[in-house]
Protein backbone atom coordinates (compact mmCIF):
# COMPACT_ATOMS: atom_id res chain seq x y z
CA UNK A 1 105.61 126.52 136.49
CA UNK A 2 103.89 124.26 138.63
CA UNK A 3 105.96 122.29 141.10
CA UNK A 4 104.44 118.87 141.78
CA UNK A 5 105.36 117.34 144.94
CA UNK A 6 104.19 113.76 145.58
CA UNK A 7 104.87 112.81 149.40
CA UNK A 8 105.89 109.05 149.68
CA UNK A 9 107.56 106.97 152.43
CA UNK A 10 109.50 103.80 152.35
CA UNK A 11 110.40 101.70 155.34
CA UNK A 12 114.03 100.04 155.51
CA UNK A 13 114.89 97.66 158.43
CA UNK A 14 118.49 97.31 159.43
CA UNK A 15 118.71 94.63 162.29
CA UNK A 16 117.22 96.26 165.24
CA UNK A 17 116.22 99.67 163.63
CA UNK A 18 113.57 100.67 161.29
CA UNK A 19 114.41 103.80 158.96
CA UNK A 20 111.71 105.64 157.00
CA UNK A 21 112.88 107.39 153.96
CA UNK A 22 110.39 109.96 153.20
CA UNK A 23 109.35 113.23 151.23
CA UNK A 24 109.12 115.94 149.87
CA UNK A 25 108.53 116.57 153.70
CA UNK A 26 106.66 119.89 154.16
CA UNK A 27 107.98 122.85 156.57
CA UNK A 28 105.66 121.90 159.39
CA UNK A 29 106.60 118.04 159.34
CA UNK A 30 110.15 119.10 159.52
CA UNK A 31 109.49 121.48 162.74
CA UNK A 32 108.25 118.36 164.55
CA UNK A 33 111.23 116.32 164.23
CA UNK A 34 114.84 116.88 165.64
CA UNK A 35 118.09 116.64 164.08
CA UNK A 36 120.78 113.97 164.94
CA UNK A 37 123.65 115.54 166.73
CA UNK A 38 125.95 114.23 163.96
CA UNK A 39 124.43 116.26 161.09
CA UNK A 40 127.11 118.91 161.27
CA UNK A 41 128.61 119.15 157.58
CA UNK A 42 127.18 122.67 157.15
CA UNK A 43 126.08 124.15 160.20
CA UNK A 44 124.93 123.31 163.76
CA UNK A 45 122.03 120.77 163.75
CA UNK A 46 119.57 123.34 164.98
CA UNK A 47 120.61 125.69 162.38
CA UNK A 48 120.42 123.27 159.61
CA UNK A 49 116.79 122.37 160.71
CA UNK A 50 115.75 125.97 160.17
CA UNK A 51 117.50 125.90 156.86
CA UNK A 52 115.65 122.90 155.73
CA UNK A 53 112.26 124.44 156.98
CA UNK A 54 112.90 127.47 154.96
CA UNK A 55 113.68 125.27 151.66
CA UNK A 56 110.75 123.04 152.32
CA UNK A 57 108.46 126.24 152.29
CA UNK A 58 109.65 127.27 149.05
CA UNK A 59 107.52 126.67 145.88
CA UNK A 60 110.44 124.68 144.04
CA UNK A 61 112.07 123.62 147.44
CA UNK A 62 112.03 119.82 148.17
CA UNK A 63 113.49 117.79 151.10
CA UNK A 64 113.95 114.10 151.09
CA UNK A 65 114.84 112.62 154.63
CA UNK A 66 116.02 109.45 156.56
CA UNK A 67 114.24 109.31 160.12
CA UNK A 68 114.72 106.99 162.89
CA UNK A 69 111.97 107.51 164.99
CA UNK A 70 111.56 111.32 165.41
CA UNK A 71 115.13 112.18 164.54
CA UNK A 72 116.34 113.13 161.04
CA UNK A 73 119.74 111.27 160.44
CA UNK A 74 119.82 112.26 156.86
CA UNK A 75 118.47 114.63 154.36
CA UNK A 76 118.76 115.70 150.56
CA UNK A 77 117.83 119.14 149.60
CA UNK A 78 116.53 120.72 146.05
CA UNK A 79 116.02 124.30 145.22
CA UNK A 80 116.85 126.73 142.81
CA UNK A 81 120.40 128.14 142.76
CA UNK A 82 121.70 130.76 144.58
CA UNK A 83 121.16 134.14 142.91
CA UNK A 84 124.62 134.88 143.19
CA UNK A 85 125.75 131.84 141.43
CA UNK A 86 125.96 131.39 137.43
CA UNK A 87 123.50 128.84 137.78
CA UNK A 88 120.84 131.17 138.29
CA UNK A 89 121.93 133.50 135.60
CA UNK A 90 119.75 131.89 132.86
CA UNK A 91 116.59 132.42 134.62
CA UNK A 92 115.44 129.11 134.15
CA UNK A 93 112.32 127.95 136.19
CA UNK A 94 112.84 124.25 135.23
CA UNK A 95 116.72 124.16 136.47
CA UNK A 96 116.86 122.81 140.12
CA UNK A 97 120.02 122.07 142.42
CA UNK A 98 120.33 118.89 144.22
CA UNK A 99 121.79 121.40 146.73
CA UNK A 100 123.30 119.16 149.79
CA UNK A 101 123.34 115.58 151.11
CA UNK A 102 124.28 114.68 154.54
CA UNK A 103 124.05 111.26 156.61
CA UNK A 104 124.86 111.13 160.08
CA UNK A 105 128.15 109.17 160.92
CA UNK A 106 126.47 106.12 162.64
CA UNK A 107 124.17 105.64 159.71
CA UNK A 108 126.59 105.88 156.87
CA UNK A 109 126.70 102.31 156.21
CA UNK A 110 122.89 101.96 155.52
CA UNK A 111 123.11 103.35 152.05
CA UNK A 112 120.70 105.96 152.96
CA UNK A 113 122.26 108.73 150.61
CA UNK A 114 121.74 106.39 147.60
CA UNK A 115 118.03 105.57 148.86
CA UNK A 116 117.30 109.44 149.44
CA UNK A 117 118.36 110.14 146.12
CA UNK A 118 116.52 107.69 144.21
CA UNK A 119 113.29 108.52 146.44
CA UNK A 120 113.35 112.13 145.16
CA UNK A 121 112.57 110.94 141.59
CA UNK A 122 109.58 108.67 142.70
CA UNK A 123 106.62 108.83 140.30
CA UNK A 124 108.55 110.68 137.69
CA UNK A 125 107.89 114.17 139.24
CA UNK A 126 111.40 115.24 138.35
CA UNK A 127 110.91 114.74 134.84
CA UNK A 128 109.93 118.50 133.96
CA UNK A 129 113.37 119.44 135.43
CA UNK A 130 117.13 119.86 134.63
CA UNK A 131 118.58 118.59 138.08
CA UNK A 132 122.24 119.41 138.87
CA UNK A 133 124.76 119.38 141.59
CA UNK A 134 128.25 120.86 141.90
CA UNK A 135 130.58 118.67 143.67
CA UNK A 136 133.55 120.52 145.56
CA UNK A 137 135.91 118.29 147.56
CA UNK A 138 136.24 120.76 150.09
CA UNK A 139 132.84 119.90 151.22
CA UNK A 140 133.70 116.09 151.45
CA UNK A 141 134.27 114.32 154.73
CA UNK A 142 137.73 113.16 153.39
CA UNK A 143 138.70 112.82 157.06
CA UNK A 144 135.86 110.89 158.77
CA UNK A 145 135.20 108.68 155.67
CA UNK A 146 139.13 107.78 155.58
CA UNK A 147 138.86 108.08 151.66
CA UNK A 148 141.22 109.83 149.21
CA UNK A 149 139.83 112.85 147.21
CA UNK A 150 139.98 110.38 144.27
CA UNK A 151 138.00 107.69 146.14
CA UNK A 152 135.55 109.98 147.33
CA UNK A 153 135.02 111.62 143.89
CA UNK A 154 134.21 108.03 142.80
CA UNK A 155 131.88 107.42 145.56
CA UNK A 156 129.97 110.48 145.05
CA UNK A 157 129.67 109.87 141.20
CA UNK A 158 128.41 106.43 141.95
CA UNK A 159 125.93 107.80 144.18
CA UNK A 160 124.53 110.32 141.82
CA UNK A 161 124.59 108.05 138.84
CA UNK A 162 122.12 105.87 141.07
CA UNK A 163 119.67 108.41 140.16
CA UNK A 164 120.45 108.86 136.55
CA UNK A 165 122.80 111.93 136.79
CA UNK A 166 125.98 111.75 134.68
CA UNK A 167 128.91 113.93 134.44
CA UNK A 168 129.06 117.27 132.40
CA UNK A 169 131.34 119.83 131.22
CA UNK A 170 131.77 123.40 131.94
CA UNK A 171 133.80 126.26 132.48
CA UNK A 172 132.84 127.45 135.69
CA UNK A 173 136.10 128.73 137.67
CA UNK A 174 135.09 126.97 140.94
CA UNK A 175 134.69 123.50 139.46
CA UNK A 176 137.48 124.08 137.25
CA UNK A 177 139.79 124.99 140.27
CA UNK A 178 140.49 121.20 141.23
CA UNK A 179 139.98 118.28 139.10
CA UNK A 180 138.33 116.13 141.40
CA UNK A 181 135.13 118.93 141.47
CA UNK A 182 132.76 118.09 139.06
CA UNK A 183 129.14 118.81 137.64
CA UNK A 184 126.65 116.09 137.78
CA UNK A 185 123.17 116.60 135.86
CA UNK A 186 120.10 114.76 135.03
CA UNK A 187 117.73 115.95 132.01
CA UNK A 188 114.17 114.97 132.49
CA UNK A 189 112.43 113.41 129.81
CA UNK A 190 109.92 116.28 129.58
CA UNK A 191 112.63 119.07 129.49
CA UNK A 192 112.19 121.12 126.07
CA UNK A 193 115.08 121.46 123.76
CA UNK A 194 115.07 125.17 124.26
CA UNK A 195 115.98 124.58 128.04
CA UNK A 196 118.75 122.34 127.05
CA UNK A 197 120.09 124.69 124.98
CA UNK A 198 119.90 127.65 127.41
CA UNK A 199 121.50 125.32 130.27
CA UNK A 200 124.35 124.76 127.67
CA UNK A 201 125.02 128.66 127.60
CA UNK A 202 124.90 128.80 131.37
CA UNK A 203 127.49 125.80 131.50
CA UNK A 204 129.87 127.75 129.04
CA UNK A 205 130.03 131.31 129.77
CA UNK A 206 133.43 131.88 127.77
CA UNK A 207 133.47 132.32 124.38
CA UNK A 208 136.88 132.44 123.35
CA UNK A 209 137.85 129.67 120.93
CA UNK A 210 141.49 128.34 120.60
């Protein structure tokens, strides 16, 4: 399928700072920027930048960033699910994963996570996709945020709901391994019923009835 990417930028002012929310950003554009030293949730900043560049070069890959000058202070990634995960088993070209979201700690009071996610759906360019995200409590910055597991879960749900994503049930073992984990999904308006049905079969793979 054709993956439509419409780059867009918005300017946000916070006291003495001007932050730019922009994307989908090209791989070449990402190479010209630096990563904030606080972006260490998944890997070291330099390694994370390499990962973002790689995702941006994929046909379906999308990177939305928050930028302070030439420094990336936050990002959101969209891409196909890893081939080893159940979410890729349906071979669905219209199923996209919101894979990672991170904001450097000095910028977390600016609401950048919400703004980046909303930005991703600009101009209805995600209406052809089922977009999902898997939230696992072991990825959450509970220590840095000072939040309990359940308060962090509520925060993540509210964040995803700001872009129209809602909680969906699944029998995925990793998600079911802890009650705080969850699957959040947004089904675009142009997604055919056949894709919704296929996604249902991916969500539930245990066929036993009780």
